[in-house]
Amino acid sequence: MKENSSNTHKIPVILVDQTSVPAFHIFNPNDWDGASKSIVNSCAAQYGLLTYSVKKLDELFGNTNKLCLSKFQELKNQWRISNWPIDKCNYLAEIPEVHLFIQVFLNSIKTFLDLLVQLVSSENIVYKKIHGFHKKRKDPGGELLHILKNKAKNKEIADSLFKLVSEHKRKWIDDAVKARDSMVHPEKGLTQVMLQLEIKPKNSELELTAIKKPTIGKTDFIEWATEILANLCNFSKAFAEVIKAHNQRLHEDRS
């Protein structure tokens, strides 16, 4: 009988974007088995999105004058018809792409963490199923830390992961989750990310003197995001290494 082509197993050949290449150096599905393989595949996909969104934001932030030109021209035309005291207003330019990629970056951090920590249960390090990087009360990842501390099958590995996660929570994870929550769950209506135009009158015209980009605290968003991505990379490598060391010991014990 001829085998039904729809049931024939085919090897996936993935033609990755250049921004996704670093992800597969950390998350190579060939290094993992069982449920962990699909988790690692998903981690690589989210890591690639993070890298791509930082690249796009860097390009957009390097081109703000052009992006805001038509909006500033419209403002100038209105001011010529009927001027007003310039310093009485803040001038905000909506650039949907900027908002989109900031939102992609912040959401992908949380999705990435939700996926990564599932390896703790898929690799049988704890007794309880872990579904994501969930809060315990208001503490990001608090549920994971509680499980690592109280439901460990392998206490040595669980303690190593507990220490690693706690360290990175202090360093960047809590700030990143807070930034994401402030956009996704704003207290006072929908948060809209915009560029702020600094304007002054000059010779009966308006002059654009500066464009302020979105910030986290007092840090330019792109600088903050680049640092977060570097920390996430280091965290991912360390997290995977701890679990791989656990797997290697199990393999040696069975041998």
Protein backbone atom coordinates (compact mmCIF):
# COMPACT_ATOMS: atom_id res chain seq x y z
CA MET A 1 0.00 0.00 0.00
CA LYS A 2 1.09 3.53 -0.68
CA GLU A 3 1.69 5.57 2.42
CA ASN A 4 -0.68 8.48 2.76
CA SER A 5 1.44 11.59 2.14
CA SER A 6 -0.54 13.55 4.72
CA ASN A 7 0.69 11.17 7.43
CA THR A 8 4.31 11.09 6.28
CA HIS A 9 6.70 12.55 8.80
CA LYS A 10 8.75 15.40 7.38
CA ILE A 11 11.80 17.02 8.91
CA PRO A 12 11.20 20.75 9.49
CA VAL A 13 13.77 23.01 7.84
CA ILE A 14 13.60 26.42 9.51
CA LEU A 15 14.96 29.38 7.56
CA VAL A 16 15.53 31.67 10.52
CA ASP A 17 15.81 35.42 10.55
CA GLN A 18 19.31 36.61 11.43
CA THR A 19 18.02 38.05 14.72
CA SER A 20 16.94 34.56 15.82
CA VAL A 21 20.36 32.93 15.38
CA PRO A 22 21.61 33.76 18.93
CA ALA A 23 18.50 32.11 20.37
CA PHE A 24 19.39 28.72 18.92
CA HIS A 25 22.91 28.89 20.38
CA ILE A 26 21.25 28.87 23.81
CA PHE A 27 18.12 26.85 23.01
CA ASN A 28 19.08 24.03 20.68
CA PRO A 29 16.12 21.60 20.57
CA ASN A 30 18.52 18.76 19.72
CA ASP A 31 19.93 19.00 23.24
CA TRP A 32 16.58 18.22 24.87
CA ASP A 33 14.10 15.34 24.96
CA GLY A 34 10.39 14.83 25.60
CA ALA A 35 8.25 17.76 26.65
CA SER A 36 11.37 19.89 27.17
CA LYS A 37 12.11 19.89 23.44
CA SER A 38 8.93 21.79 22.55
CA ILE A 39 9.43 24.17 25.50
CA VAL A 40 12.94 24.97 24.30
CA ASN A 41 11.66 25.53 20.75
CA SER A 42 9.17 28.05 22.11
CA CYS A 43 11.87 29.75 24.22
CA ALA A 44 13.98 30.20 21.09
CA ALA A 45 11.03 31.73 19.23
CA GLN A 46 10.34 34.27 22.02
CA TYR A 47 14.05 35.07 22.39
CA GLY A 48 14.14 35.75 18.64
CA LEU A 49 11.17 38.13 18.97
CA LEU A 50 12.95 40.00 21.76
CA THR A 51 16.08 40.40 19.67
CA TYR A 52 14.08 41.49 16.62
CA SER A 53 12.02 44.05 18.56
CA VAL A 54 15.18 45.65 20.00
CA LYS A 55 16.66 45.84 16.48
CA LYS A 56 13.50 47.48 15.11
CA LEU A 57 13.29 49.96 17.99
CA ASP A 58 16.93 50.92 17.48
CA GLU A 59 16.15 51.64 13.82
CA LEU A 60 13.01 53.61 14.67
CA PHE A 61 14.69 55.67 17.39
CA GLY A 62 17.50 56.48 14.97
CA ASN A 63 14.94 57.89 12.54
CA THR A 64 12.70 59.98 14.79
CA ASN A 65 13.17 63.25 12.87
CA LYS A 66 11.79 61.69 9.71
CA LEU A 67 9.00 59.87 11.57
CA CYS A 68 7.81 63.10 13.21
CA LEU A 69 8.32 65.44 10.24
CA SER A 70 4.77 65.29 8.83
CA LYS A 71 3.22 65.64 12.30
CA PHE A 72 5.38 68.67 13.09
CA GLN A 73 4.52 70.21 9.70
CA GLU A 74 0.83 69.81 10.47
CA LEU A 75 1.35 71.57 13.80
CA LYS A 76 3.21 74.42 12.06
CA ASN A 77 0.37 74.86 9.58
CA GLN A 78 -2.16 75.11 12.41
CA TRP A 79 0.02 77.62 14.28
CA ARG A 80 0.28 79.84 11.18
CA ILE A 81 -3.52 80.02 11.00
CA SER A 82 -3.94 80.83 14.68
CA ASN A 83 -0.99 80.78 17.05
CA TRP A 84 -1.15 80.06 20.78
CA PRO A 85 1.29 80.18 23.74
CA ILE A 86 3.62 77.31 22.87
CA ASP A 87 4.71 76.61 26.44
CA LYS A 88 1.13 75.96 27.55
CA CYS A 89 1.07 72.49 25.93
CA ASN A 90 2.98 69.23 25.65
CA TYR A 91 3.35 68.00 22.07
CA LEU A 92 3.15 64.24 21.66
CA ALA A 93 3.61 62.41 18.36
CA GLU A 94 1.93 59.02 17.98
CA ILE A 95 4.14 56.54 16.09
CA PRO A 96 2.29 53.20 16.11
CA GLU A 97 5.39 51.18 15.21
CA VAL A 98 7.23 52.47 18.27
CA HIS A 99 4.33 51.55 20.53
CA LEU A 100 3.98 48.16 18.82
CA PHE A 101 7.60 47.07 19.26
CA ILE A 102 7.83 48.34 22.83
CA GLN A 103 4.71 46.31 23.60
CA VAL A 104 6.14 43.27 21.79
CA PHE A 105 9.36 43.53 23.79
CA LEU A 106 7.66 43.84 27.18
CA ASN A 107 5.09 41.11 26.51
CA SER A 108 7.72 38.74 25.10
CA ILE A 109 9.81 39.01 28.28
CA LYS A 110 6.89 37.71 30.36
CA THR A 111 6.00 35.02 27.80
CA PHE A 112 9.65 33.95 27.63
CA LEU A 113 9.90 33.61 31.42
CA ASP A 114 6.60 31.69 31.52
CA LEU A 115 8.04 29.19 29.04
CA LEU A 116 11.57 28.91 30.44
CA VAL A 117 10.53 27.98 33.97
CA GLN A 118 8.37 25.12 32.67
CA LEU A 119 11.65 23.23 32.19
CA VAL A 120 11.83 22.90 35.97
CA SER A 121 8.87 20.52 35.97
CA SER A 122 9.44 18.94 32.53
CA GLU A 123 12.93 17.94 33.73
CA ASN A 124 11.51 16.48 36.98
CA ILE A 125 13.37 18.81 39.33
CA VAL A 126 10.25 19.41 41.42
CA TYR A 127 7.12 17.43 42.31
CA LYS A 128 4.63 20.09 41.25
CA LYS A 129 3.70 21.17 37.70
CA ILE A 130 4.92 24.67 36.84
CA HIS A 131 2.81 26.55 34.29
CA GLY A 132 4.60 29.88 34.23
CA PHE A 133 6.49 32.63 36.02
CA HIS A 134 3.48 33.45 38.18
CA LYS A 135 3.26 35.86 41.09
CA LYS A 136 2.77 34.79 44.68
CA ARG A 137 0.84 37.65 46.16
CA LYS A 138 2.60 40.57 44.43
CA ASP A 139 6.00 38.94 44.01
CA PRO A 140 6.89 38.14 40.35
CA GLY A 141 7.99 34.50 40.13
CA GLY A 142 7.10 33.99 43.78
CA GLU A 143 5.18 30.80 43.02
CA LEU A 144 8.23 29.31 41.29
CA LEU A 145 10.49 30.19 44.22
CA HIS A 146 8.01 28.64 46.65
CA ILE A 147 7.94 25.39 44.64
CA LEU A 148 11.73 25.25 44.32
CA LYS A 149 12.08 25.71 48.06
CA ASN A 150 9.32 23.37 49.21
CA LYS A 151 8.61 20.81 46.44
CA ALA A 152 12.09 19.79 45.26
CA LYS A 153 12.89 16.27 44.04
CA ASN A 154 16.54 17.26 43.66
CA LYS A 155 17.31 19.75 46.41
CA GLU A 156 20.80 20.64 45.16
CA ILE A 157 19.57 21.63 41.68
CA ALA A 158 16.44 23.31 43.07
CA ASP A 159 18.59 25.37 45.46
CA SER A 160 20.88 26.41 42.59
CA LEU A 161 17.87 27.53 40.52
CA PHE A 162 16.34 29.30 43.54
CA LYS A 163 19.56 31.27 44.03
CA LEU A 164 19.87 32.06 40.29
CA VAL A 165 16.26 33.24 39.92
CA SER A 166 16.43 35.33 43.12
CA GLU A 167 19.64 37.02 41.94
CA HIS A 168 18.18 37.92 38.53
CA LYS A 169 14.88 39.04 40.03
CA ARG A 170 16.81 41.67 41.99
CA LYS A 171 18.96 42.56 39.00
CA TRP A 172 16.34 42.98 36.24
CA ILE A 173 13.38 40.59 36.21
CA ASP A 174 11.20 42.45 38.74
CA ASP A 175 11.76 45.76 36.92
CA ALA A 176 10.94 44.19 33.54
CA VAL A 177 7.75 42.54 34.82
CA LYS A 178 6.71 45.82 36.48
CA ALA A 179 7.27 47.71 33.19
CA ARG A 180 5.21 45.16 31.32
CA ASP A 181 2.40 45.27 33.90
CA SER A 182 2.27 49.07 33.79
CA MET A 183 1.56 48.91 30.05
CA VAL A 184 -0.79 45.92 30.03
CA HIS A 185 -2.65 46.81 33.25
CA PRO A 186 -2.53 50.62 33.50
CA GLU A 187 -4.26 52.17 36.49
CA LYS A 188 -5.61 55.19 34.64
CA GLY A 189 -6.78 54.11 31.21
CA LEU A 190 -4.84 52.76 28.25
CA THR A 191 -1.15 53.68 28.20
CA GLN A 192 -0.13 55.15 24.84
CA VAL A 193 3.58 55.33 24.05
CA MET A 194 4.44 58.52 22.15
CA LEU A 195 7.39 60.73 21.27
CA GLN A 196 7.48 64.19 22.87
CA LEU A 197 8.32 67.13 20.61
CA GLU A 198 10.22 70.07 22.09
CA ILE A 199 9.12 73.20 20.19
CA LYS A 200 9.79 76.94 20.35
CA PRO A 201 8.68 79.91 18.24
CA LYS A 202 11.32 81.51 16.03
CA ASN A 203 10.84 84.35 13.52
CA SER A 204 7.06 83.84 13.33
CA GLU A 205 7.56 80.13 12.74
CA LEU A 206 7.84 77.04 14.91
CA GLU A 207 11.17 75.28 15.38
CA LEU A 208 11.56 71.66 16.44
CA THR A 209 14.43 71.70 18.91
CA ALA A 210 14.40 68.11 20.23
CA ILE A 211 12.48 64.84 20.25
CA LYS A 212 12.22 62.99 23.55
CA LYS A 213 12.02 59.23 23.20
CA PRO A 214 10.15 56.90 25.61
CA THR A 215 12.02 56.15 28.81
CA ILE A 216 11.98 53.69 31.69
CA GLY A 217 12.60 55.90 34.68
CA LYS A 218 15.28 58.26 33.40
CA THR A 219 16.80 55.78 30.93
CA ASP A 220 16.09 55.78 27.18
CA PHE A 221 13.91 52.77 26.41
CA ILE A 222 16.34 51.39 23.82
CA GLU A 223 19.24 51.56 26.30
CA TRP A 224 17.11 49.89 28.96
CA ALA A 225 15.88 47.21 26.55
CA THR A 226 19.41 46.45 25.31
CA GLU A 227 20.60 45.97 28.90
CA ILE A 228 17.56 43.82 29.74
CA LEU A 229 18.21 41.63 26.69
CA ALA A 230 21.86 41.14 27.74
CA ASN A 231 20.75 40.17 31.28
CA LEU A 232 18.10 37.83 29.89
CA CYS A 233 20.76 36.16 27.71
CA ASN A 234 23.05 35.57 30.71
CA PHE A 235 20.14 34.31 32.80
CA SER A 236 19.02 31.91 30.06
CA LYS A 237 22.50 30.44 29.62
CA ALA A 238 22.94 29.94 33.37
CA PHE A 239 19.44 28.48 33.78
CA ALA A 240 19.96 25.98 30.95
CA GLU A 241 23.42 25.03 32.23
CA VAL A 242 22.09 24.21 35.71
CA ILE A 243 19.41 21.93 34.26
CA LYS A 244 21.80 20.31 31.77
CA ALA A 245 24.21 19.56 34.63
CA HIS A 246 21.31 17.84 36.40
CA ASN A 247 20.60 15.76 33.28
CA GLN A 248 24.25 14.82 32.87
CA ARG A 249 24.44 13.56 36.45
CA LEU A 250 21.31 11.50 35.97
CA HIS A 251 22.81 9.96 32.84
CA GLU A 252 26.07 9.18 34.65
CA ASP A 253 24.20 7.61 37.57
CA ARG A 254 22.26 5.35 35.21
CA SER A 255 25.49 4.30 33.49
